[in-house]
Amino acid sequence: MKIQLHKLKLSPALSQETTAYTAVILVDGRAAFHASNHGHGAADHFHSVQDYDGPDLATVNQWLAANEPPSEPLEADPAKRSPFDCGHACDLELLVARLIDRHQAEKQLSRLLKASILRIGEDEQIYKLKMKPSEAGIAAVRETHPVWVIVNGGSPEIIRRALRILSGAHEVEEGVYTRQRENRLTLEDARWLRARNEASGQPCPDLHRHLTEVIERQEAALARYRAQREAERRIRAAGPLTAPGRSK
């Protein structure tokens, strides 16, 4: 499934707590949803385009949860993390925010390429060289440092790497793998990684088993937390108790 933003219009003057925008969401090249946010902190609004008969919003969100990385948790340390702090599975609202970031990154990269020679470092960061991006200058840098990844005049893959860095997309996905290496996975991390493993040509049984254990353990903790909160809510709704033999 390919999801794109079309006719994006940003409204910086209206953007207070959230990004104010309007756009049309394309699903596999077809206009699917009108999207908007008024910038006051509320959720995005999605309305199906008239006569659209493709995947509905629920189906799109289900696909995104399995194919796009989740957001990071509020608390990095699992020992301090609340049971409800599970990360957030990618849905259309979260993807739109990422696509807007990419749109902004494209404009930023265009400005940077006109002003400087750019290279991608081994740490996946972009560095500006103190040289004008002339053809002669770019050629000289490539000759002097043949192993450097120069963005100016680079291949489509290099441009995509630069955009992922500027938009933060690299950090989102790498953040999941960092939490995996450091044994700090959230529930949504584990669900996404298990879906990725299952979709691969050669799924790893040991990884599947480990991720399933993480998922079941965190789902149980979340269920206990919700049950406790529900019990507390019922106690509050019942009102204060009176001692036996005493009237209110």
C-alpha atoms as a PDB file:
ATOM      1  CA  MET A   1       0.000   0.000   0.000  1.00  0.00           C
ATOM      2  CA  LYS A   2       1.412   3.380  -1.012  1.00  0.00           C
ATOM      3  CA  ILE A   3       0.160   6.401   0.915  1.00  0.00           C
ATOM      4  CA  GLN A   4       1.001   9.959  -0.168  1.00  0.00           C
ATOM      5  CA  LEU A   5       0.056  13.547   0.613  1.00  0.00           C
ATOM      6  CA  HIS A   6      -1.466  15.577  -2.215  1.00  0.00           C
ATOM      7  CA  LYS A   7      -2.406  19.266  -2.344  1.00  0.00           C
ATOM      8  CA  LEU A   8      -0.766  19.860   1.041  1.00  0.00           C
ATOM      9  CA  LYS A   9      -1.322  23.362   2.452  1.00  0.00           C
ATOM     10  CA  LEU A  10       0.314  24.315   5.742  1.00  0.00           C
ATOM     11  CA  SER A  11      -0.920  27.215   7.893  1.00  0.00           C
ATOM     12  CA  PRO A  12       1.919  28.277  10.238  1.00  0.00           C
ATOM     13  CA  ALA A  13      -0.116  31.231  11.563  1.00  0.00           C
ATOM     14  CA  LEU A  14      -2.845  28.856  12.793  1.00  0.00           C
ATOM     15  CA  SER A  15      -0.471  26.197  14.118  1.00  0.00           C
ATOM     16  CA  GLN A  16      -0.553  26.485  17.901  1.00  0.00           C
ATOM     17  CA  GLU A  17      -0.538  23.081  19.621  1.00  0.00           C
ATOM     18  CA  THR A  18      -0.585  21.040  16.422  1.00  0.00           C
ATOM     19  CA  THR A  19       0.297  21.647  12.771  1.00  0.00           C
ATOM     20  CA  ALA A  20      -2.601  23.274  10.926  1.00  0.00           C
ATOM     21  CA  TYR A  21      -2.950  21.860   7.445  1.00  0.00           C
ATOM     22  CA  THR A  22      -5.262  20.573   4.735  1.00  0.00           C
ATOM     23  CA  ALA A  23      -4.418  17.809   2.266  1.00  0.00           C
ATOM     24  CA  VAL A  24      -5.763  14.961   0.217  1.00  0.00           C
ATOM     25  CA  ILE A  25      -4.527  11.471   1.102  1.00  0.00           C
ATOM     26  CA  LEU A  26      -3.708   9.259  -1.870  1.00  0.00           C
ATOM     27  CA  VAL A  27      -3.882   5.495  -1.366  1.00  0.00           C
ATOM     28  CA  ASP A  28      -2.177   3.594  -4.183  1.00  0.00           C
ATOM     29  CA  GLY A  29      -2.444   6.693  -6.353  1.00  0.00           C
ATOM     30  CA  ARG A  30      -6.164   7.289  -5.761  1.00  0.00           C
ATOM     31  CA  ALA A  31      -7.676  10.182  -3.792  1.00  0.00           C
ATOM     32  CA  ALA A  32      -8.979   8.473  -0.652  1.00  0.00           C
ATOM     33  CA  PHE A  33      -9.395  10.941   2.238  1.00  0.00           C
ATOM     34  CA  HIS A  34      -9.684  14.659   2.850  1.00  0.00           C
ATOM     35  CA  ALA A  35      -7.379  15.402   5.796  1.00  0.00           C
ATOM     36  CA  SER A  36      -7.108  18.474   8.015  1.00  0.00           C
ATOM     37  CA  ASN A  37      -6.131  19.817  11.406  1.00  0.00           C
ATOM     38  CA  HIS A  38      -7.097  23.238  12.789  1.00  0.00           C
ATOM     39  CA  GLY A  39      -3.915  23.628  14.851  1.00  0.00           C
ATOM     40  CA  HIS A  40      -5.561  23.821  18.290  1.00  0.00           C
ATOM     41  CA  GLY A  41      -4.397  20.465  19.656  1.00  0.00           C
ATOM     42  CA  ALA A  42      -7.277  18.259  18.512  1.00  0.00           C
ATOM     43  CA  ALA A  43      -6.862  15.112  16.430  1.00  0.00           C
ATOM     44  CA  ASP A  44      -6.677  15.175  12.647  1.00  0.00           C
ATOM     45  CA  HIS A  45      -9.912  14.887  10.685  1.00  0.00           C
ATOM     46  CA  PHE A  46     -10.209  12.304   7.902  1.00  0.00           C
ATOM     47  CA  HIS A  47     -13.215  12.079   5.594  1.00  0.00           C
ATOM     48  CA  SER A  48     -13.529   9.705   2.654  1.00  0.00           C
ATOM     49  CA  VAL A  49     -13.487  11.254  -0.798  1.00  0.00           C
ATOM     50  CA  GLN A  50     -16.792  10.867  -2.614  1.00  0.00           C
ATOM     51  CA  ASP A  51     -17.027   7.605  -4.597  1.00  0.00           C
ATOM     52  CA  TYR A  52     -13.803   6.256  -3.063  1.00  0.00           C
ATOM     53  CA  ASP A  53     -14.174   2.482  -2.678  1.00  0.00           C
ATOM     54  CA  GLY A  54     -10.644   1.457  -1.680  1.00  0.00           C
ATOM     55  CA  PRO A  55      -9.300   0.461   1.759  1.00  0.00           C
ATOM     56  CA  ASP A  56     -11.171   2.250   4.553  1.00  0.00           C
ATOM     57  CA  LEU A  57      -9.513   4.117   7.415  1.00  0.00           C
ATOM     58  CA  ALA A  58      -9.477   1.078   9.718  1.00  0.00           C
ATOM     59  CA  THR A  59      -7.812  -1.058   7.041  1.00  0.00           C
ATOM     60  CA  VAL A  60      -5.237   1.651   6.324  1.00  0.00           C
ATOM     61  CA  ASN A  61      -4.422   1.976  10.031  1.00  0.00           C
ATOM     62  CA  GLN A  62      -4.079  -1.795  10.376  1.00  0.00           C
ATOM     63  CA  TRP A  63      -1.647  -1.897   7.458  1.00  0.00           C
ATOM     64  CA  LEU A  64       0.362   1.025   8.837  1.00  0.00           C
ATOM     65  CA  ALA A  65       0.665  -0.598  12.271  1.00  0.00           C
ATOM     66  CA  ALA A  66       2.313  -3.619  10.643  1.00  0.00           C
ATOM     67  CA  ASN A  67       4.467  -1.785   8.112  1.00  0.00           C
ATOM     68  CA  GLU A  68       5.550   1.528   9.654  1.00  0.00           C
ATOM     69  CA  PRO A  69       7.534   1.841  12.915  1.00  0.00           C
ATOM     70  CA  PRO A  70       5.714   2.961  16.062  1.00  0.00           C
ATOM     71  CA  SER A  71       6.456   6.101  18.027  1.00  0.00           C
ATOM     72  CA  GLU A  72       8.777   6.003  21.003  1.00  0.00           C
ATOM     73  CA  PRO A  73       7.508   5.725  24.610  1.00  0.00           C
ATOM     74  CA  LEU A  74       7.244   8.707  26.929  1.00  0.00           C
ATOM     75  CA  GLU A  75       9.691   7.090  29.377  1.00  0.00           C
ATOM     76  CA  ALA A  76      12.860   5.509  28.017  1.00  0.00           C
ATOM     77  CA  ASP A  77      13.631   3.432  31.149  1.00  0.00           C
ATOM     78  CA  PRO A  78      11.385   0.319  31.311  1.00  0.00           C
ATOM     79  CA  ALA A  79      11.753   0.230  35.105  1.00  0.00           C
ATOM     80  CA  LYS A  80      10.102   3.655  35.336  1.00  0.00           C
ATOM     81  CA  ARG A  81       7.691   3.214  32.438  1.00  0.00           C
ATOM     82  CA  SER A  82       3.958   3.135  33.188  1.00  0.00           C
ATOM     83  CA  PRO A  83       1.981   0.123  31.900  1.00  0.00           C
ATOM     84  CA  PHE A  84       0.022   2.359  29.520  1.00  0.00           C
ATOM     85  CA  ASP A  85       3.239   3.826  28.060  1.00  0.00           C
ATOM     86  CA  CYS A  86       3.329   1.321  25.180  1.00  0.00           C
ATOM     87  CA  GLY A  87       4.464   3.581  22.371  1.00  0.00           C
ATOM     88  CA  HIS A  88       1.949   4.348  19.642  1.00  0.00           C
ATOM     89  CA  ALA A  89       1.342   2.119  16.650  1.00  0.00           C
ATOM     90  CA  CYS A  90       1.621   4.032  13.408  1.00  0.00           C
ATOM     91  CA  ASP A  91      -1.756   5.128  12.091  1.00  0.00           C
ATOM     92  CA  LEU A  92      -2.771   7.591   9.407  1.00  0.00           C
ATOM     93  CA  GLU A  93      -2.514  10.595  11.727  1.00  0.00           C
ATOM     94  CA  LEU A  94       1.023   9.677  12.750  1.00  0.00           C
ATOM     95  CA  LEU A  95       2.005   8.935   9.156  1.00  0.00           C
ATOM     96  CA  VAL A  96       0.654  12.312   7.987  1.00  0.00           C
ATOM     97  CA  ALA A  97       2.839  14.027  10.592  1.00  0.00           C
ATOM     98  CA  ARG A  98       5.851  12.123   9.259  1.00  0.00           C
ATOM     99  CA  LEU A  99       4.970  12.965   5.659  1.00  0.00           C
ATOM    100  CA  ILE A 100       4.689  16.647   6.575  1.00  0.00           C
ATOM    101  CA  ASP A 101       8.133  16.400   8.200  1.00  0.00           C
ATOM    102  CA  ARG A 102       9.432  14.875   4.963  1.00  0.00           C
ATOM    103  CA  HIS A 103       7.847  17.684   2.948  1.00  0.00           C
ATOM    104  CA  GLN A 104       9.627  20.222   5.140  1.00  0.00           C
ATOM    105  CA  ALA A 105      12.850  18.224   4.851  1.00  0.00           C
ATOM    106  CA  GLU A 106      12.662  18.340   1.042  1.00  0.00           C
ATOM    107  CA  LYS A 107      12.460  22.129   1.130  1.00  0.00           C
ATOM    108  CA  GLN A 108      15.298  22.317   3.660  1.00  0.00           C
ATOM    109  CA  LEU A 109      17.508  19.992   1.616  1.00  0.00           C
ATOM    110  CA  SER A 110      16.885  22.044  -1.517  1.00  0.00           C
ATOM    111  CA  ARG A 111      18.082  25.185   0.295  1.00  0.00           C
ATOM    112  CA  LEU A 112      21.128  23.456   1.758  1.00  0.00           C
ATOM    113  CA  LEU A 113      22.227  21.983  -1.575  1.00  0.00           C
ATOM    114  CA  LYS A 114      22.192  25.439  -3.148  1.00  0.00           C
ATOM    115  CA  ALA A 115      24.360  26.875  -0.375  1.00  0.00           C
ATOM    116  CA  SER A 116      26.864  24.176   0.581  1.00  0.00           C
ATOM    117  CA  ILE A 117      28.452  20.853  -0.216  1.00  0.00           C
ATOM    118  CA  LEU A 118      26.835  18.256   2.025  1.00  0.00           C
ATOM    119  CA  ARG A 119      28.090  14.889   3.169  1.00  0.00           C
ATOM    120  CA  ILE A 120      26.533  12.103   5.189  1.00  0.00           C
ATOM    121  CA  GLY A 121      28.781  11.025   8.045  1.00  0.00           C
ATOM    122  CA  GLU A 122      29.238   7.533   9.420  1.00  0.00           C
ATOM    123  CA  ASP A 123      26.948   8.565  12.293  1.00  0.00           C
ATOM    124  CA  GLU A 124      24.119   9.186   9.801  1.00  0.00           C
ATOM    125  CA  GLN A 125      24.246  12.942  10.297  1.00  0.00           C
ATOM    126  CA  ILE A 126      24.551  15.592   7.586  1.00  0.00           C
ATOM    127  CA  TYR A 127      27.570  17.882   7.605  1.00  0.00           C
ATOM    128  CA  LYS A 128      28.109  21.100   5.636  1.00  0.00           C
ATOM    129  CA  LEU A 129      31.490  21.736   4.083  1.00  0.00           C
ATOM    130  CA  LYS A 130      32.755  25.307   3.866  1.00  0.00           C
ATOM    131  CA  MET A 131      32.753  25.269   0.094  1.00  0.00           C
ATOM    132  CA  LYS A 132      30.388  26.570  -2.549  1.00  0.00           C
ATOM    133  CA  PRO A 133      28.572  23.728  -4.334  1.00  0.00           C
ATOM    134  CA  SER A 134      30.166  24.322  -7.715  1.00  0.00           C
ATOM    135  CA  GLU A 135      30.804  21.387 -10.047  1.00  0.00           C
ATOM    136  CA  ALA A 136      34.540  21.870  -9.642  1.00  0.00           C
ATOM    137  CA  GLY A 137      34.274  22.001  -5.858  1.00  0.00           C
ATOM    138  CA  ILE A 138      32.130  18.869  -5.654  1.00  0.00           C
ATOM    139  CA  ALA A 139      34.506  17.023  -7.979  1.00  0.00           C
ATOM    140  CA  ALA A 140      37.511  18.093  -5.876  1.00  0.00           C
ATOM    141  CA  VAL A 141      35.897  16.816  -2.673  1.00  0.00           C
ATOM    142  CA  ARG A 142      35.012  13.496  -4.299  1.00  0.00           C
ATOM    143  CA  GLU A 143      38.589  13.108  -5.537  1.00  0.00           C
ATOM    144  CA  THR A 144      40.151  14.094  -2.206  1.00  0.00           C
ATOM    145  CA  HIS A 145      37.765  12.003  -0.085  1.00  0.00           C
ATOM    146  CA  PRO A 146      36.552   9.131  -2.281  1.00  0.00           C
ATOM    147  CA  VAL A 147      34.877   7.275   0.621  1.00  0.00           C
ATOM    148  CA  TRP A 148      32.745  10.235   1.683  1.00  0.00           C
ATOM    149  CA  VAL A 149      29.052  10.126   0.858  1.00  0.00           C
ATOM    150  CA  ILE A 150      28.447  13.426  -0.914  1.00  0.00           C
ATOM    151  CA  VAL A 151      24.788  14.456  -1.208  1.00  0.00           C
ATOM    152  CA  ASN A 152      25.241  17.037  -3.997  1.00  0.00           C
ATOM    153  CA  GLY A 153      24.678  15.249  -7.279  1.00  0.00           C
ATOM    154  CA  GLY A 154      24.216  11.999  -5.412  1.00  0.00           C
ATOM    155  CA  SER A 155      22.146   8.998  -6.447  1.00  0.00           C
ATOM    156  CA  PRO A 156      18.426   8.774  -5.605  1.00  0.00           C
ATOM    157  CA  GLU A 157      19.348   6.441  -2.734  1.00  0.00           C
ATOM    158  CA  ILE A 158      21.699   9.060  -1.241  1.00  0.00           C
ATOM    159  CA  ILE A 159      19.025  11.736  -1.572  1.00  0.00           C
ATOM    160  CA  ARG A 160      16.536   9.438   0.193  1.00  0.00           C
ATOM    161  CA  ARG A 161      19.060   8.888   2.987  1.00  0.00           C
ATOM    162  CA  ALA A 162      19.524  12.634   3.385  1.00  0.00           C
ATOM    163  CA  LEU A 163      15.767  13.202   3.516  1.00  0.00           C
ATOM    164  CA  ARG A 164      15.318  10.442   6.110  1.00  0.00           C
ATOM    165  CA  ILE A 165      17.956  12.099   8.275  1.00  0.00           C
ATOM    166  CA  LEU A 166      16.533  15.617   7.961  1.00  0.00           C
ATOM    167  CA  SER A 167      12.944  14.470   8.530  1.00  0.00           C
ATOM    168  CA  GLY A 168      13.821  12.288  11.526  1.00  0.00           C
ATOM    169  CA  ALA A 169      12.559   9.123   9.816  1.00  0.00           C
ATOM    170  CA  HIS A 170      15.901   7.385  10.326  1.00  0.00           C
ATOM    171  CA  GLU A 171      15.772   8.076  14.057  1.00  0.00           C
ATOM    172  CA  VAL A 172      12.238   6.678  14.384  1.00  0.00           C
ATOM    173  CA  GLU A 173      13.105   3.297  12.887  1.00  0.00           C
ATOM    174  CA  GLU A 174      16.565   3.122  14.401  1.00  0.00           C
ATOM    175  CA  GLY A 175      15.014   3.951  17.776  1.00  0.00           C
ATOM    176  CA  VAL A 176      13.040   0.695  17.668  1.00  0.00           C
ATOM    177  CA  TYR A 177      16.162  -1.354  16.945  1.00  0.00           C
ATOM    178  CA  THR A 178      18.101   0.509  19.636  1.00  0.00           C
ATOM    179  CA  ARG A 179      15.407  -0.362  22.199  1.00  0.00           C
ATOM    180  CA  GLN A 180      15.550  -3.958  20.973  1.00  0.00           C
ATOM    181  CA  ARG A 181      19.322  -4.151  21.440  1.00  0.00           C
ATOM    182  CA  GLU A 182      19.060  -2.590  24.900  1.00  0.00           C
ATOM    183  CA  ASN A 183      16.114  -4.765  25.986  1.00  0.00           C
ATOM    184  CA  ARG A 184      13.784  -1.742  26.290  1.00  0.00           C
ATOM    185  CA  LEU A 185      11.061  -2.733  23.834  1.00  0.00           C
ATOM    186  CA  THR A 186       7.572  -1.334  24.212  1.00  0.00           C
ATOM    187  CA  LEU A 187       4.443  -3.317  23.410  1.00  0.00           C
ATOM    188  CA  GLU A 188       4.072  -1.586  20.044  1.00  0.00           C
ATOM    189  CA  ASP A 189       7.762  -2.077  19.264  1.00  0.00           C
ATOM    190  CA  ALA A 190       7.383  -5.820  19.798  1.00  0.00           C
ATOM    191  CA  ARG A 191       4.201  -6.022  17.731  1.00  0.00           C
ATOM    192  CA  TRP A 192       5.827  -4.188  14.823  1.00  0.00           C
ATOM    193  CA  LEU A 193       9.010  -6.256  14.943  1.00  0.00           C
ATOM    194  CA  ARG A 194       7.009  -9.489  15.056  1.00  0.00           C
ATOM    195  CA  ALA A 195       4.966  -8.383  12.035  1.00  0.00           C
ATOM    196  CA  ARG A 196       8.195  -7.539  10.192  1.00  0.00           C
ATOM    197  CA  ASN A 197       9.662 -10.915  11.088  1.00  0.00           C
ATOM    198  CA  GLU A 198       6.541 -12.755   9.920  1.00  0.00           C
ATOM    199  CA  ALA A 199       6.510 -10.841   6.630  1.00  0.00           C
ATOM    200  CA  SER A 200      10.160 -11.608   5.863  1.00  0.00           C
ATOM    201  CA  GLY A 201      11.118 -14.374   3.482  1.00  0.00           C
ATOM    202  CA  GLN A 202      12.780 -16.368   6.260  1.00  0.00           C
ATOM    203  CA  PRO A 203      11.186 -15.556   9.641  1.00  0.00           C
ATOM    204  CA  CYS A 204      13.283 -16.359  12.677  1.00  0.00           C
ATOM    205  CA  PRO A 205      11.457 -18.729  15.088  1.00  0.00           C
ATOM    206  CA  ASP A 206      13.564 -17.660  18.071  1.00  0.00           C
ATOM    207  CA  LEU A 207      12.841 -13.992  17.414  1.00  0.00           C
ATOM    208  CA  HIS A 208       9.142 -14.749  17.012  1.00  0.00           C
ATOM    209  CA  ARG A 209       9.101 -16.622  20.317  1.00  0.00           C
ATOM    210  CA  HIS A 210      10.967 -13.856  22.145  1.00  0.00           C
ATOM    211  CA  LEU A 211       8.749 -11.089  20.770  1.00  0.00           C
ATOM    212  CA  THR A 212       5.607 -13.057  21.581  1.00  0.00           C
ATOM    213  CA  GLU A 213       6.798 -13.391  25.190  1.00  0.00           C
ATOM    214  CA  VAL A 214       7.394  -9.626  25.350  1.00  0.00           C
ATOM    215  CA  ILE A 215       3.953  -8.937  23.895  1.00  0.00           C
ATOM    216  CA  GLU A 216       2.137 -11.333  26.233  1.00  0.00           C
ATOM    217  CA  ARG A 217       3.966  -9.992  29.287  1.00  0.00           C
ATOM    218  CA  GLN A 218       3.211  -6.363  28.478  1.00  0.00           C
ATOM    219  CA  GLU A 219      -0.394  -7.096  27.441  1.00  0.00           C
ATOM    220  CA  ALA A 220      -0.935  -8.804  30.807  1.00  0.00           C
ATOM    221  CA  ALA A 221       0.540  -5.814  32.663  1.00  0.00           C
ATOM    222  CA  LEU A 222      -1.673  -3.454  30.671  1.00  0.00           C
ATOM    223  CA  ALA A 223      -4.762  -5.578  31.388  1.00  0.00           C
ATOM    224  CA  ARG A 224      -3.993  -5.527  35.143  1.00  0.00           C
ATOM    225  CA  TYR A 225      -3.546  -1.753  35.032  1.00  0.00           C
ATOM    226  CA  ARG A 226      -6.855  -1.260  33.236  1.00  0.00           C
ATOM    227  CA  ALA A 227      -8.662  -3.583  35.637  1.00  0.00           C
ATOM    228  CA  GLN A 228      -7.270  -1.649  38.591  1.00  0.00           C
ATOM    229  CA  ARG A 229      -8.318   1.661  37.102  1.00  0.00           C
ATOM    230  CA  GLU A 230     -11.809   0.323  36.406  1.00  0.00           C
ATOM    231  CA  ALA A 231     -12.125  -0.933  39.994  1.00  0.00           C
ATOM    232  CA  GLU A 232     -11.061   2.478  41.305  1.00  0.00           C
ATOM    233  CA  ARG A 233     -13.588   4.164  39.017  1.00  0.00           C
ATOM    234  CA  ARG A 234     -16.401   1.986  40.315  1.00  0.00           C
ATOM    235  CA  ILE A 235     -15.438   2.720  43.921  1.00  0.00           C
ATOM    236  CA  ARG A 236     -15.522   6.459  43.239  1.00  0.00           C
ATOM    237  CA  ALA A 237     -18.872   6.135  41.440  1.00  0.00           C
ATOM    238  CA  ALA A 238     -20.363   4.238  44.397  1.00  0.00           C
ATOM    239  CA  GLY A 239     -19.644   7.158  46.718  1.00  0.00           C
ATOM    240  CA  PRO A 240     -18.360   7.141  50.315  1.00  0.00           C
ATOM    241  CA  LEU A 241     -19.224   4.182  52.539  1.00  0.00           C
ATOM    242  CA  THR A 242     -21.140   4.733  55.815  1.00  0.00           C
ATOM    243  CA  ALA A 243     -20.365   2.857  59.001  1.00  0.00           C
ATOM    244  CA  PRO A 244     -22.950   0.186  60.087  1.00  0.00           C
ATOM    245  CA  GLY A 245     -25.745   1.591  62.274  1.00  0.00           C
ATOM    246  CA  ARG A 246     -25.067   5.179  61.289  1.00  0.00           C
ATOM    247  CA  SER A 247     -27.210   7.282  59.002  1.00  0.00           C
ATOM    248  CA  LYS A 248     -25.813   9.635  56.426  1.00  0.00           C
END
